[in-house]
Amino acid sequence: MSDAPFLLLQISDTHLGAAWDESDPEDGLRAAVAAILALPQRPDALLVSGDLTDNGTPEEYARVRELLAPLGLEPHVIPGNHDLRGPLREAFGLPGEGDEHASHVADLGPLRLVCLDSIIPGAEGGALDGGRIEWLDAALGADRETTTVVAMHHPPLRTEIPTFERIGLAPESIAALAAVLGRHPQVVRLLAGHVHRMIVAELAGRAVLTVPSTYLQAALDFEAPKLVMGADPPGFAVHALRDGKLASHVQTINT
């Protein structure tokens, strides 16, 4: 066995520029960075799983980079429904141009991170149409040996929370994703954000994990007709890989 696990840090839904409930999202991100820096082990890589900003402006993305800089890790980012691909590409060097999806692969040594763009520009819900499922199948087929996680903004699961069911990943996209996973056993985990709370589910025999926002959290209410924010603490995740096995830890933040 190796001496120490490889640690993938996941931050999600930072929403810089938002003013929900008169709260400042910068406060949450600063608290998350401070908590991460206080960990006894330094993460090896950083994933930010969408909704980095609330309005998609270049100034907001620049501020995200500034607040994340103390971590000393280059962010691997995927767009969320509040993000705009153009400014996000410019700020973080993502591939593609125009309306092309910004999916990409990061080879992190013992771990392969496949970042899958699930957004529909101008909509809150997500999908994997427009060649994205085919892109994923090809990307996974390029390396069938390295332990792999697939990250996207919209989680491929049912939350049973009405608001998120209305703005979730399209059911046909979830079914298509499950079919692709069936051909690629090296994928060990699916990671997502969007729902502002921790949820664990399963797709094609793999765990699906959503992580809390560093901003505000969604209340646990299975009947509320509109999104209700709760008093749960913000958080982040650390995914620990050793010898091809992945353990995902969700850490809440005291603010």
Protein backbone atom coordinates (compact mmCIF):
# COMPACT_ATOMS: atom_id res chain seq x y z
CA MET A 1 0.00 0.00 0.00
CA SER A 2 1.11 3.58 -0.68
CA ASP A 3 1.98 5.83 2.26
CA ALA A 4 -0.77 8.42 1.78
CA PRO A 5 -3.97 8.70 -0.23
CA PHE A 6 -4.35 11.03 -3.20
CA LEU A 7 -6.79 13.76 -2.12
CA LEU A 8 -9.24 15.43 -4.52
CA LEU A 9 -10.89 18.48 -2.97
CA GLN A 10 -14.38 19.37 -4.21
CA ILE A 11 -15.96 22.79 -3.71
CA SER A 12 -19.34 23.60 -5.23
CA ASP A 13 -21.89 26.35 -5.78
CA THR A 14 -19.84 29.28 -4.53
CA HIS A 15 -22.26 31.71 -6.25
CA LEU A 16 -20.06 34.80 -6.03
CA GLY A 17 -22.12 37.86 -6.83
CA ALA A 18 -25.31 36.48 -5.28
CA ALA A 19 -27.31 38.24 -2.57
CA TRP A 20 -29.77 35.59 -1.46
CA ASP A 21 -31.19 36.18 2.01
CA GLU A 22 -28.87 39.21 2.18
CA SER A 23 -25.94 36.83 2.72
CA ASP A 24 -22.51 37.35 1.17
CA PRO A 25 -21.21 34.27 -0.67
CA GLU A 26 -17.63 35.51 -0.28
CA ASP A 27 -17.90 34.90 3.46
CA GLY A 28 -18.70 31.23 2.88
CA LEU A 29 -15.91 30.72 0.37
CA ARG A 30 -13.36 32.41 2.62
CA ALA A 31 -14.48 30.18 5.52
CA ALA A 32 -14.17 27.09 3.31
CA VAL A 33 -10.65 28.03 2.22
CA ALA A 34 -9.63 28.65 5.84
CA ALA A 35 -11.05 25.26 6.90
CA ILE A 36 -9.25 23.50 4.04
CA LEU A 37 -5.96 25.18 4.90
CA ALA A 38 -6.41 23.96 8.49
CA LEU A 39 -6.66 20.31 7.41
CA PRO A 40 -3.73 18.18 8.52
CA GLN A 41 -3.16 16.95 4.96
CA ARG A 42 -2.96 19.19 1.91
CA PRO A 43 -5.27 18.20 -0.98
CA ASP A 44 -3.57 17.26 -4.25
CA ALA A 45 -6.15 18.61 -6.70
CA LEU A 46 -9.21 20.87 -6.74
CA LEU A 47 -12.57 20.39 -8.46
CA VAL A 48 -15.16 23.19 -8.48
CA SER A 49 -18.43 21.62 -9.59
CA GLY A 50 -20.36 24.54 -11.05
CA ASP A 51 -22.19 27.76 -10.20
CA LEU A 52 -18.92 29.46 -9.41
CA THR A 53 -20.71 32.79 -9.85
CA ASP A 54 -24.28 34.00 -9.83
CA ASN A 55 -24.10 36.20 -12.92
CA GLY A 56 -21.21 34.85 -15.01
CA THR A 57 -19.26 38.11 -15.22
CA PRO A 58 -15.48 38.21 -15.77
CA GLU A 59 -15.13 40.19 -12.56
CA GLU A 60 -16.88 37.48 -10.55
CA TYR A 61 -14.66 34.75 -12.02
CA ALA A 62 -11.57 36.81 -11.26
CA ARG A 63 -12.73 37.11 -7.66
CA VAL A 64 -13.30 33.34 -7.43
CA ARG A 65 -9.71 32.78 -8.56
CA GLU A 66 -8.47 35.33 -6.05
CA LEU A 67 -10.30 33.72 -3.13
CA LEU A 68 -9.17 30.22 -4.11
CA ALA A 69 -5.54 31.25 -4.63
CA PRO A 70 -4.39 30.54 -1.03
CA LEU A 71 -5.05 26.82 -1.68
CA GLY A 72 -2.22 26.75 -4.20
CA LEU A 73 -4.18 24.44 -6.52
CA GLU A 74 -5.21 25.08 -10.11
CA PRO A 75 -9.04 24.72 -10.16
CA HIS A 76 -10.58 22.13 -12.45
CA VAL A 77 -13.99 23.67 -13.13
CA ILE A 78 -17.24 22.73 -14.81
CA PRO A 79 -20.06 25.15 -15.61
CA GLY A 80 -23.27 25.31 -13.64
CA ASN A 81 -26.58 26.80 -14.69
CA HIS A 82 -25.59 30.22 -13.31
CA ASP A 83 -22.28 30.20 -15.19
CA LEU A 84 -21.60 31.48 -18.70
CA ARG A 85 -19.30 29.34 -20.80
CA GLY A 86 -17.47 32.22 -22.49
CA PRO A 87 -16.26 34.07 -19.39
CA LEU A 88 -15.66 30.76 -17.58
CA ARG A 89 -13.48 29.54 -20.47
CA GLU A 90 -11.52 32.78 -20.46
CA ALA A 91 -10.93 32.70 -16.70
CA PHE A 92 -9.99 29.02 -16.39
CA GLY A 93 -8.66 28.03 -19.81
CA LEU A 94 -11.42 25.58 -20.70
CA PRO A 95 -11.56 24.05 -24.20
CA GLY A 96 -13.99 24.92 -26.96
CA GLU A 97 -15.58 28.13 -28.11
CA GLY A 98 -19.02 29.66 -28.59
CA ASP A 99 -21.86 27.33 -27.67
CA GLU A 100 -19.65 24.22 -27.58
CA HIS A 101 -19.81 22.27 -24.34
CA ALA A 102 -16.81 22.74 -22.06
CA SER A 103 -16.27 19.09 -21.12
CA HIS A 104 -12.67 18.07 -20.59
CA VAL A 105 -10.40 15.53 -18.90
CA ALA A 106 -7.79 16.13 -16.22
CA ASP A 107 -5.18 13.39 -15.75
CA LEU A 108 -4.16 13.67 -12.10
CA GLY A 109 -1.72 10.78 -11.88
CA PRO A 110 -3.50 8.02 -9.96
CA LEU A 111 -6.91 9.56 -10.68
CA ARG A 112 -8.56 10.57 -13.94
CA LEU A 113 -11.10 13.38 -13.56
CA VAL A 114 -13.66 13.64 -16.36
CA CYS A 115 -15.43 16.99 -16.20
CA LEU A 116 -18.76 16.76 -18.03
CA ASP A 117 -20.63 19.92 -19.00
CA SER A 118 -24.33 19.36 -18.20
CA ILE A 119 -25.75 22.86 -18.68
CA ILE A 120 -28.41 24.11 -21.08
CA PRO A 121 -27.57 27.79 -21.71
CA GLY A 122 -30.38 29.99 -20.40
CA ALA A 123 -32.06 27.18 -18.46
CA GLU A 124 -31.80 25.95 -14.89
CA GLY A 125 -32.08 22.27 -15.72
CA GLY A 126 -29.44 20.13 -17.37
CA ALA A 127 -28.96 17.64 -20.20
CA LEU A 128 -26.27 15.56 -21.91
CA ASP A 129 -27.46 15.94 -25.49
CA GLY A 130 -25.64 17.66 -28.33
CA GLY A 131 -22.92 15.04 -28.55
CA ARG A 132 -22.00 15.09 -24.89
CA ILE A 133 -22.85 11.44 -24.22
CA GLU A 134 -20.81 10.42 -27.25
CA TRP A 135 -17.93 12.63 -26.06
CA LEU A 136 -18.07 10.98 -22.63
CA ASP A 137 -18.04 7.47 -24.10
CA ALA A 138 -14.98 8.32 -26.19
CA ALA A 139 -13.21 10.06 -23.31
CA LEU A 140 -13.72 7.09 -21.02
CA GLY A 141 -12.67 4.69 -23.76
CA ALA A 142 -9.33 6.49 -24.12
CA ASP A 143 -8.14 5.11 -20.75
CA ARG A 144 -9.85 2.07 -19.30
CA GLU A 145 -7.20 1.39 -16.67
CA THR A 146 -6.90 4.50 -14.49
CA THR A 147 -9.40 4.95 -11.67
CA THR A 148 -11.85 7.57 -12.88
CA VAL A 149 -14.47 9.91 -11.45
CA VAL A 150 -17.02 11.76 -13.57
CA ALA A 151 -17.99 15.22 -12.33
CA MET A 152 -20.89 17.34 -13.52
CA HIS A 153 -23.02 20.13 -12.11
CA HIS A 154 -26.48 18.55 -12.40
CA PRO A 155 -26.55 15.29 -10.42
CA PRO A 156 -27.79 12.15 -12.19
CA LEU A 157 -30.28 11.24 -9.47
CA ARG A 158 -33.77 11.93 -8.17
CA THR A 159 -33.79 14.23 -5.15
CA GLU A 160 -37.55 13.88 -4.48
CA ILE A 161 -37.47 17.61 -3.63
CA PRO A 162 -39.99 19.19 -6.05
CA THR A 163 -37.96 22.28 -6.95
CA PHE A 164 -34.87 20.29 -7.84
CA GLU A 165 -36.87 17.72 -9.78
CA ARG A 166 -38.05 20.56 -12.02
CA ILE A 167 -34.51 21.82 -12.66
CA GLY A 168 -32.56 18.58 -12.55
CA LEU A 169 -30.77 16.52 -15.17
CA ALA A 170 -33.16 15.30 -17.88
CA PRO A 171 -34.30 11.69 -17.26
CA GLU A 172 -33.27 10.61 -20.75
CA SER A 173 -29.77 11.96 -20.06
CA ILE A 174 -29.58 9.99 -16.82
CA ALA A 175 -30.57 6.82 -18.69
CA ALA A 176 -27.99 7.47 -21.42
CA LEU A 177 -25.31 8.11 -18.80
CA ALA A 178 -26.12 4.83 -17.06
CA ALA A 179 -25.71 2.99 -20.36
CA VAL A 180 -22.28 4.53 -20.93
CA LEU A 181 -21.15 3.68 -17.40
CA GLY A 182 -22.05 0.07 -18.02
CA ARG A 183 -19.23 -0.04 -20.60
CA HIS A 184 -16.60 1.57 -18.37
CA PRO A 185 -15.98 -0.19 -15.06
CA GLN A 186 -13.03 2.08 -14.24
CA VAL A 187 -15.50 4.82 -13.22
CA VAL A 188 -15.87 4.56 -9.44
CA ARG A 189 -17.82 7.70 -8.50
CA LEU A 190 -20.09 10.40 -9.92
CA LEU A 191 -19.69 13.84 -8.32
CA ALA A 192 -22.04 16.81 -8.60
CA GLY A 193 -23.34 20.01 -7.02
CA HIS A 194 -26.44 22.08 -7.91
CA VAL A 195 -28.71 20.90 -5.08
CA HIS A 196 -26.98 22.74 -2.21
CA ARG A 197 -26.95 19.75 0.11
CA MET A 198 -25.32 16.37 0.49
CA ILE A 199 -27.22 13.56 -1.21
CA VAL A 200 -26.03 10.02 -1.90
CA ALA A 201 -27.62 7.83 -4.57
CA GLU A 202 -26.61 5.15 -7.07
CA LEU A 203 -26.41 4.92 -10.85
CA ALA A 204 -25.26 1.85 -12.76
CA GLY A 205 -23.69 0.44 -9.61
CA ARG A 206 -21.71 3.61 -8.82
CA ALA A 207 -22.25 5.97 -5.93
CA VAL A 208 -23.51 9.43 -6.88
CA LEU A 209 -22.58 12.17 -4.41
CA THR A 210 -23.67 15.79 -4.28
CA VAL A 211 -21.85 18.13 -1.93
CA PRO A 212 -23.04 21.14 0.06
CA SER A 213 -22.62 24.65 -1.25
CA THR A 214 -20.09 26.98 0.35
CA TYR A 215 -22.95 29.52 0.32
CA LEU A 216 -26.50 28.61 1.43
CA GLN A 217 -28.04 25.15 1.80
CA ALA A 218 -31.37 23.81 0.56
CA ALA A 219 -33.79 22.76 3.28
CA LEU A 220 -34.84 19.12 3.60
CA ASP A 221 -38.47 19.53 2.56
CA PHE A 222 -40.11 16.98 0.26
CA GLU A 223 -43.29 19.02 -0.27
CA ALA A 224 -42.24 22.68 -0.58
CA PRO A 225 -43.48 24.07 -3.93
CA LYS A 226 -40.47 26.40 -4.21
CA LEU A 227 -36.87 26.29 -3.11
CA VAL A 228 -36.44 26.87 0.62
CA MET A 229 -33.02 27.58 2.08
CA GLY A 230 -32.26 25.97 5.44
CA ALA A 231 -29.94 26.53 8.36
CA ASP A 232 -27.55 23.65 7.59
CA PRO A 233 -23.87 24.59 7.53
CA PRO A 234 -21.88 24.99 4.32
CA GLY A 235 -19.31 22.38 3.40
CA PHE A 236 -16.93 20.79 0.95
CA ALA A 237 -15.77 17.25 0.12
CA VAL A 238 -12.43 15.49 0.12
CA HIS A 239 -12.22 12.31 -1.98
CA ALA A 240 -9.38 10.06 -0.84
CA LEU A 241 -7.94 7.57 -3.34
CA ARG A 242 -5.59 4.78 -2.36
CA ASP A 243 -4.82 1.65 -4.36
CA GLY A 244 -7.74 2.27 -6.72
CA LYS A 245 -10.33 2.62 -3.95
CA LEU A 246 -12.11 5.92 -3.36
CA ALA A 247 -13.58 7.18 -0.07
CA SER A 248 -15.56 10.44 -0.12
CA HIS A 249 -15.66 12.64 3.00
CA VAL A 250 -18.02 15.61 3.36
CA GLN A 251 -16.77 18.22 5.82
CA THR A 252 -19.05 20.93 7.20
CA ILE A 253 -17.74 24.39 8.00
CA ASN A 254 -18.19 26.36 11.20
CA THR A 255 -19.04 29.93 10.21
